[in-house]
């Protein structure tokens, strides 16, 4: 019987791409045509069981050849979101990757291009923006709103009603108390406990967390 699943590519061939490939393989919803990497020396290389097909310049040809979707598997927020815009401009659909061992509650909305990794829990009526990463063992409680291009590192715990602005990055094991807001482009350092709102474009660190420098 012919495989009727949509063909996709994964943009990226580093550590995070391994995680995304594993999720996609476990989900089984797509045929993975191969990988995209902008290092020309890697074209044709085998990576984590898949072939690197070329750079971003090859996407248009792949679309014409029947590839319909893509996901950008790069950890850096700025790079990931810029490449996602380029993927969409070519006419490819951004897909999501949600690990079967993640727990997604009723009323949750996950934006296109986002990745939810094993052990993550997203509770009722939370909104995850486009091209976000909800990493290993993260918990996002009820009624949270995460903007586009957010990255929650492994072990982050976000209490209920938290607002997180676009391109914010929460470091490993950080904790956000209920009802707070994290500003756009803010960084919360690993292990920090946020007990008050974090302004946009600052680095916050410590227990309790405080802004230590501007970005």
C-alpha atoms as a PDB file:
ATOM      1  CA  UNK A   1       0.000   0.000   0.000  1.00  0.00           C
ATOM      2  CA  UNK A   2       1.307   3.454  -0.907  1.00  0.00           C
ATOM      3  CA  UNK A   3       2.456   5.719   1.907  1.00  0.00           C
ATOM      4  CA  UNK A   4       0.056   8.661   1.789  1.00  0.00           C
ATOM      5  CA  UNK A   5       1.590  10.622   4.657  1.00  0.00           C
ATOM      6  CA  UNK A   6       2.719  14.173   3.883  1.00  0.00           C
ATOM      7  CA  UNK A   7       6.422  14.576   3.124  1.00  0.00           C
ATOM      8  CA  UNK A   8       8.343  17.004   5.309  1.00  0.00           C
ATOM      9  CA  UNK A   9      11.893  18.199   5.939  1.00  0.00           C
ATOM     10  CA  UNK A  10      13.608  19.088   9.200  1.00  0.00           C
ATOM     11  CA  UNK A  11      15.633  22.309   9.081  1.00  0.00           C
ATOM     12  CA  UNK A  12      18.670  21.756  11.292  1.00  0.00           C
ATOM     13  CA  UNK A  13      21.143  18.951  11.936  1.00  0.00           C
ATOM     14  CA  UNK A  14      22.390  19.427  15.490  1.00  0.00           C
ATOM     15  CA  UNK A  15      21.494  18.177  18.950  1.00  0.00           C
ATOM     16  CA  UNK A  16      17.994  19.660  19.016  1.00  0.00           C
ATOM     17  CA  UNK A  17      17.298  18.159  15.583  1.00  0.00           C
ATOM     18  CA  UNK A  18      17.932  14.686  17.058  1.00  0.00           C
ATOM     19  CA  UNK A  19      15.212  15.347  19.627  1.00  0.00           C
ATOM     20  CA  UNK A  20      12.787  16.588  16.971  1.00  0.00           C
ATOM     21  CA  UNK A  21      13.500  13.645  14.655  1.00  0.00           C
ATOM     22  CA  UNK A  22      12.839  11.200  17.482  1.00  0.00           C
ATOM     23  CA  UNK A  23       9.485  12.882  18.212  1.00  0.00           C
ATOM     24  CA  UNK A  24       8.452  12.847  14.553  1.00  0.00           C
ATOM     25  CA  UNK A  25       9.393   9.189  14.191  1.00  0.00           C
ATOM     26  CA  UNK A  26       7.409   8.255  17.300  1.00  0.00           C
ATOM     27  CA  UNK A  27       4.378  10.256  16.152  1.00  0.00           C
ATOM     28  CA  UNK A  28       4.488   8.621  12.720  1.00  0.00           C
ATOM     29  CA  UNK A  29       2.313  11.284  11.089  1.00  0.00           C
ATOM     30  CA  UNK A  30       4.799  12.348   8.408  1.00  0.00           C
ATOM     31  CA  UNK A  31       7.333  10.962   5.967  1.00  0.00           C
ATOM     32  CA  UNK A  32      10.676  12.598   6.687  1.00  0.00           C
ATOM     33  CA  UNK A  33      12.271  13.334   3.325  1.00  0.00           C
ATOM     34  CA  UNK A  34      15.521  14.463   4.917  1.00  0.00           C
ATOM     35  CA  UNK A  35      17.257  17.352   6.609  1.00  0.00           C
ATOM     36  CA  UNK A  36      18.300  20.870   5.666  1.00  0.00           C
ATOM     37  CA  UNK A  37      21.558  22.388   6.922  1.00  0.00           C
ATOM     38  CA  UNK A  38      23.163  25.618   5.744  1.00  0.00           C
ATOM     39  CA  UNK A  39      26.711  24.243   5.965  1.00  0.00           C
ATOM     40  CA  UNK A  40      27.430  23.296   2.303  1.00  0.00           C
ATOM     41  CA  UNK A  41      30.052  20.776   3.425  1.00  0.00           C
ATOM     42  CA  UNK A  42      27.353  18.620   5.042  1.00  0.00           C
ATOM     43  CA  UNK A  43      25.210  18.028   1.960  1.00  0.00           C
ATOM     44  CA  UNK A  44      24.786  14.282   1.436  1.00  0.00           C
ATOM     45  CA  UNK A  45      25.847  13.460   4.989  1.00  0.00           C
ATOM     46  CA  UNK A  46      23.846  10.944   7.014  1.00  0.00           C
ATOM     47  CA  UNK A  47      22.682  12.374  10.327  1.00  0.00           C
ATOM     48  CA  UNK A  48      20.677  10.429  12.911  1.00  0.00           C
ATOM     49  CA  UNK A  49      19.418   8.082  10.208  1.00  0.00           C
ATOM     50  CA  UNK A  50      18.451  10.766   7.686  1.00  0.00           C
ATOM     51  CA  UNK A  51      20.222  12.377   4.751  1.00  0.00           C
ATOM     52  CA  UNK A  52      21.097  16.082   4.627  1.00  0.00           C
ATOM     53  CA  UNK A  53      19.535  17.188   1.343  1.00  0.00           C
ATOM     54  CA  UNK A  54      21.123  20.616   1.066  1.00  0.00           C
ATOM     55  CA  UNK A  55      20.872  24.160   2.365  1.00  0.00           C
ATOM     56  CA  UNK A  56      17.881  26.450   2.650  1.00  0.00           C
ATOM     57  CA  UNK A  57      18.368  27.295  -1.010  1.00  0.00           C
ATOM     58  CA  UNK A  58      17.181  23.791  -1.895  1.00  0.00           C
ATOM     59  CA  UNK A  59      13.764  24.223  -0.248  1.00  0.00           C
ATOM     60  CA  UNK A  60      12.052  25.620  -3.325  1.00  0.00           C
ATOM     61  CA  UNK A  61      13.116  22.622  -5.391  1.00  0.00           C
ATOM     62  CA  UNK A  62      12.021  20.239  -2.653  1.00  0.00           C
ATOM     63  CA  UNK A  63       8.617  21.925  -2.554  1.00  0.00           C
ATOM     64  CA  UNK A  64       8.238  21.439  -6.295  1.00  0.00           C
ATOM     65  CA  UNK A  65       9.239  17.792  -5.811  1.00  0.00           C
ATOM     66  CA  UNK A  66       6.388  17.175  -3.399  1.00  0.00           C
ATOM     67  CA  UNK A  67       7.636  18.180   0.052  1.00  0.00           C
ATOM     68  CA  UNK A  68       4.736  19.969   1.721  1.00  0.00           C
ATOM     69  CA  UNK A  69       5.908  20.815   5.231  1.00  0.00           C
ATOM     70  CA  UNK A  70       8.872  21.616   7.431  1.00  0.00           C
ATOM     71  CA  UNK A  71       9.884  22.175  11.023  1.00  0.00           C
ATOM     72  CA  UNK A  72      12.856  24.263  12.142  1.00  0.00           C
ATOM     73  CA  UNK A  73      14.864  22.247  14.684  1.00  0.00           C
ATOM     74  CA  UNK A  74      17.247  24.923  15.969  1.00  0.00           C
ATOM     75  CA  UNK A  75      17.421  25.949  19.618  1.00  0.00           C
ATOM     76  CA  UNK A  76      18.330  29.619  19.197  1.00  0.00           C
ATOM     77  CA  UNK A  77      15.120  31.656  19.225  1.00  0.00           C
ATOM     78  CA  UNK A  78      16.139  34.334  16.740  1.00  0.00           C
ATOM     79  CA  UNK A  79      17.566  31.896  14.200  1.00  0.00           C
ATOM     80  CA  UNK A  80      14.665  29.480  14.494  1.00  0.00           C
ATOM     81  CA  UNK A  81      12.050  32.156  13.922  1.00  0.00           C
ATOM     82  CA  UNK A  82      13.840  33.819  11.030  1.00  0.00           C
ATOM     83  CA  UNK A  83      14.184  30.488   9.253  1.00  0.00           C
ATOM     84  CA  UNK A  84      10.529  29.680   9.965  1.00  0.00           C
ATOM     85  CA  UNK A  85       9.523  32.881   8.166  1.00  0.00           C
ATOM     86  CA  UNK A  86      11.664  31.875   5.191  1.00  0.00           C
ATOM     87  CA  UNK A  87      10.122  28.388   5.141  1.00  0.00           C
ATOM     88  CA  UNK A  88       6.605  29.833   5.084  1.00  0.00           C
ATOM     89  CA  UNK A  89       7.538  32.350   2.384  1.00  0.00           C
ATOM     90  CA  UNK A  90       8.529  29.454   0.117  1.00  0.00           C
ATOM     91  CA  UNK A  91       5.091  27.937   0.605  1.00  0.00           C
ATOM     92  CA  UNK A  92       5.861  25.087   3.004  1.00  0.00           C
ATOM     93  CA  UNK A  93       3.521  24.436   5.940  1.00  0.00           C
ATOM     94  CA  UNK A  94       5.113  24.638   9.387  1.00  0.00           C
ATOM     95  CA  UNK A  95       4.246  21.508  11.348  1.00  0.00           C
ATOM     96  CA  UNK A  96       4.236  20.779  15.075  1.00  0.00           C
ATOM     97  CA  UNK A  97       5.983  17.924  16.864  1.00  0.00           C
ATOM     98  CA  UNK A  98       4.436  16.685  20.120  1.00  0.00           C
ATOM     99  CA  UNK A  99       6.007  13.677  21.830  1.00  0.00           C
ATOM    100  CA  UNK A 100       3.522  10.892  22.656  1.00  0.00           C
ATOM    101  CA  UNK A 101       4.797  10.978  26.254  1.00  0.00           C
ATOM    102  CA  UNK A 102       3.822  14.653  26.670  1.00  0.00           C
ATOM    103  CA  UNK A 103       0.565  15.438  28.472  1.00  0.00           C
ATOM    104  CA  UNK A 104      -1.609  18.022  26.736  1.00  0.00           C
ATOM    105  CA  UNK A 105      -4.783  19.078  28.547  1.00  0.00           C
ATOM    106  CA  UNK A 106      -8.151  20.133  27.167  1.00  0.00           C
ATOM    107  CA  UNK A 107      -8.298  23.634  25.707  1.00  0.00           C
ATOM    108  CA  UNK A 108      -4.563  23.879  24.948  1.00  0.00           C
ATOM    109  CA  UNK A 109      -3.580  25.537  21.678  1.00  0.00           C
ATOM    110  CA  UNK A 110      -0.112  24.857  20.228  1.00  0.00           C
ATOM    111  CA  UNK A 111       1.109  27.094  17.404  1.00  0.00           C
ATOM    112  CA  UNK A 112       2.552  25.910  14.116  1.00  0.00           C
ATOM    113  CA  UNK A 113       6.236  25.017  14.173  1.00  0.00           C
ATOM    114  CA  UNK A 114       6.337  24.303  17.902  1.00  0.00           C
ATOM    115  CA  UNK A 115       7.979  21.316  19.603  1.00  0.00           C
ATOM    116  CA  UNK A 116       6.771  19.650  22.817  1.00  0.00           C
ATOM    117  CA  UNK A 117       9.274  17.149  24.203  1.00  0.00           C
ATOM    118  CA  UNK A 118       8.846  13.983  26.295  1.00  0.00           C
ATOM    119  CA  UNK A 119       7.626  14.467  29.852  1.00  0.00           C
ATOM    120  CA  UNK A 120       6.221  17.936  29.272  1.00  0.00           C
ATOM    121  CA  UNK A 121       2.836  18.795  30.778  1.00  0.00           C
ATOM    122  CA  UNK A 122       0.699  21.639  29.432  1.00  0.00           C
ATOM    123  CA  UNK A 123      -2.448  22.221  31.435  1.00  0.00           C
ATOM    124  CA  UNK A 124      -5.923  23.490  30.613  1.00  0.00           C
ATOM    125  CA  UNK A 125      -6.509  26.501  28.368  1.00  0.00           C
ATOM    126  CA  UNK A 126      -2.860  27.418  27.950  1.00  0.00           C
ATOM    127  CA  UNK A 127      -1.714  28.906  24.653  1.00  0.00           C
ATOM    128  CA  UNK A 128       1.673  28.115  23.117  1.00  0.00           C
ATOM    129  CA  UNK A 129       2.720  30.460  20.307  1.00  0.00           C
ATOM    130  CA  UNK A 130       4.295  29.552  16.999  1.00  0.00           C
ATOM    131  CA  UNK A 131       7.816  28.075  16.819  1.00  0.00           C
ATOM    132  CA  UNK A 132       8.114  27.534  20.573  1.00  0.00           C
ATOM    133  CA  UNK A 133      10.136  24.829  22.314  1.00  0.00           C
ATOM    134  CA  UNK A 134       8.633  23.170  25.404  1.00  0.00           C
ATOM    135  CA  UNK A 135      11.554  21.031  26.425  1.00  0.00           C
ATOM    136  CA  UNK A 136      12.019  17.852  28.454  1.00  0.00           C
ATOM    137  CA  UNK A 137      10.021  17.675  31.694  1.00  0.00           C
ATOM    138  CA  UNK A 138       8.622  21.208  31.481  1.00  0.00           C
ATOM    139  CA  UNK A 139       5.321  21.971  33.237  1.00  0.00           C
ATOM    140  CA  UNK A 140       3.075  24.785  32.075  1.00  0.00           C
ATOM    141  CA  UNK A 141       0.032  25.149  34.303  1.00  0.00           C
ATOM    142  CA  UNK A 142      -3.450  26.356  33.410  1.00  0.00           C
ATOM    143  CA  UNK A 143      -4.252  29.595  31.554  1.00  0.00           C
ATOM    144  CA  UNK A 144      -0.703  30.494  30.597  1.00  0.00           C
ATOM    145  CA  UNK A 145       0.045  32.386  27.402  1.00  0.00           C
ATOM    146  CA  UNK A 146       3.405  31.920  25.701  1.00  0.00           C
ATOM    147  CA  UNK A 147       4.207  34.148  22.737  1.00  0.00           C
ATOM    148  CA  UNK A 148       5.922  33.060  19.523  1.00  0.00           C
ATOM    149  CA  UNK A 149       9.505  31.781  19.534  1.00  0.00           C
ATOM    150  CA  UNK A 150       9.702  31.098  23.279  1.00  0.00           C
ATOM    151  CA  UNK A 151      12.087  28.431  24.595  1.00  0.00           C
ATOM    152  CA  UNK A 152      11.428  26.727  27.929  1.00  0.00           C
ATOM    153  CA  UNK A 153      14.528  24.678  28.768  1.00  0.00           C
ATOM    154  CA  UNK A 154      14.397  21.256  30.455  1.00  0.00           C
ATOM    155  CA  UNK A 155      12.806  21.178  33.891  1.00  0.00           C
ATOM    156  CA  UNK A 156      11.200  24.636  33.806  1.00  0.00           C
ATOM    157  CA  UNK A 157       8.042  24.992  35.911  1.00  0.00           C
ATOM    158  CA  UNK A 158       5.547  27.713  35.021  1.00  0.00           C
ATOM    159  CA  UNK A 159       2.635  28.234  37.423  1.00  0.00           C
ATOM    160  CA  UNK A 160      -0.879  29.205  36.387  1.00  0.00           C
ATOM    161  CA  UNK A 161      -1.784  32.407  34.589  1.00  0.00           C
ATOM    162  CA  UNK A 162       1.753  33.345  33.534  1.00  0.00           C
ATOM    163  CA  UNK A 163       2.340  35.484  30.425  1.00  0.00           C
ATOM    164  CA  UNK A 164       5.630  34.965  28.546  1.00  0.00           C
ATOM    165  CA  UNK A 165       6.560  37.385  25.763  1.00  0.00           C
ATOM    166  CA  UNK A 166       7.901  36.448  22.344  1.00  0.00           C
ATOM    167  CA  UNK A 167      11.509  35.232  22.055  1.00  0.00           C
ATOM    168  CA  UNK A 168      11.883  34.818  25.847  1.00  0.00           C
ATOM    169  CA  UNK A 169      14.198  32.044  27.031  1.00  0.00           C
ATOM    170  CA  UNK A 170      13.805  30.337  30.414  1.00  0.00           C
ATOM    171  CA  UNK A 171      16.894  28.447  31.571  1.00  0.00           C
ATOM    172  CA  UNK A 172      17.059  24.911  32.932  1.00  0.00           C
ATOM    173  CA  UNK A 173      15.141  24.366  36.155  1.00  0.00           C
ATOM    174  CA  UNK A 174      13.805  27.894  36.500  1.00  0.00           C
ATOM    175  CA  UNK A 175      10.487  28.463  38.291  1.00  0.00           C
ATOM    176  CA  UNK A 176       7.882  31.141  37.563  1.00  0.00           C
ATOM    177  CA  UNK A 177       5.302  31.904  40.272  1.00  0.00           C
ATOM    178  CA  UNK A 178       1.597  32.340  39.442  1.00  0.00           C
ATOM    179  CA  UNK A 179       0.232  35.273  37.490  1.00  0.00           C
ATOM    180  CA  UNK A 180       3.556  36.881  36.582  1.00  0.00           C
ATOM    181  CA  UNK A 181       4.785  38.135  33.229  1.00  0.00           C
ATOM    182  CA  UNK A 182       8.106  37.586  31.481  1.00  0.00           C
ATOM    183  CA  UNK A 183       8.876  40.311  28.928  1.00  0.00           C
ATOM    184  CA  UNK A 184       9.729  39.923  25.267  1.00  0.00           C
ATOM    185  CA  UNK A 185      13.315  38.754  24.612  1.00  0.00           C
ATOM    186  CA  UNK A 186      13.966  38.306  28.343  1.00  0.00           C
ATOM    187  CA  UNK A 187      16.277  35.558  29.609  1.00  0.00           C
ATOM    188  CA  UNK A 188      15.731  33.837  32.950  1.00  0.00           C
ATOM    189  CA  UNK A 189      18.912  32.139  34.123  1.00  0.00           C
ATOM    190  CA  UNK A 190      19.025  28.452  35.036  1.00  0.00           C
ATOM    191  CA  UNK A 191      17.783  27.645  38.521  1.00  0.00           C
ATOM    192  CA  UNK A 192      16.195  31.038  39.104  1.00  0.00           C
ATOM    193  CA  UNK A 193      12.922  31.533  40.977  1.00  0.00           C
ATOM    194  CA  UNK A 194      10.888  34.400  39.539  1.00  0.00           C
ATOM    195  CA  UNK A 195       8.709  36.086  42.179  1.00  0.00           C
ATOM    196  CA  UNK A 196       7.994  39.348  40.338  1.00  0.00           C
ATOM    197  CA  UNK A 197       7.467  40.439  36.741  1.00  0.00           C
ATOM    198  CA  UNK A 198      10.556  40.377  34.503  1.00  0.00           C
ATOM    199  CA  UNK A 199      10.857  43.380  32.132  1.00  0.00           C
ATOM    200  CA  UNK A 200      11.518  42.924  28.419  1.00  0.00           C
ATOM    201  CA  UNK A 201      15.066  42.404  27.133  1.00  0.00           C
ATOM    202  CA  UNK A 202      16.850  41.767  30.445  1.00  0.00           C
ATOM    203  CA  UNK A 203      18.673  38.845  32.017  1.00  0.00           C
ATOM    204  CA  UNK A 204      17.116  37.867  35.350  1.00  0.00           C
ATOM    205  CA  UNK A 205      18.907  35.536  37.747  1.00  0.00           C
ATOM    206  CA  UNK A 206      18.881  34.355  41.324  1.00  0.00           C
ATOM    207  CA  UNK A 207      16.543  33.248  44.105  1.00  0.00           C
ATOM    208  CA  UNK A 208      14.525  35.376  44.046  1.00  0.00           C
ATOM    209  CA  UNK A 209      15.359  36.453  40.486  1.00  0.00           C
ATOM    210  CA  UNK A 210      16.302  40.045  39.739  1.00  0.00           C
ATOM    211  CA  UNK A 211      17.392  41.807  36.567  1.00  0.00           C
ATOM    212  CA  UNK A 212      21.182  41.738  36.405  1.00  0.00           C
ATOM    213  CA  UNK A 213      21.755  43.311  33.003  1.00  0.00           C
ATOM    214  CA  UNK A 214      19.965  44.625  29.934  1.00  0.00           C
ATOM    215  CA  UNK A 215      20.160  43.006  26.530  1.00  0.00           C
END
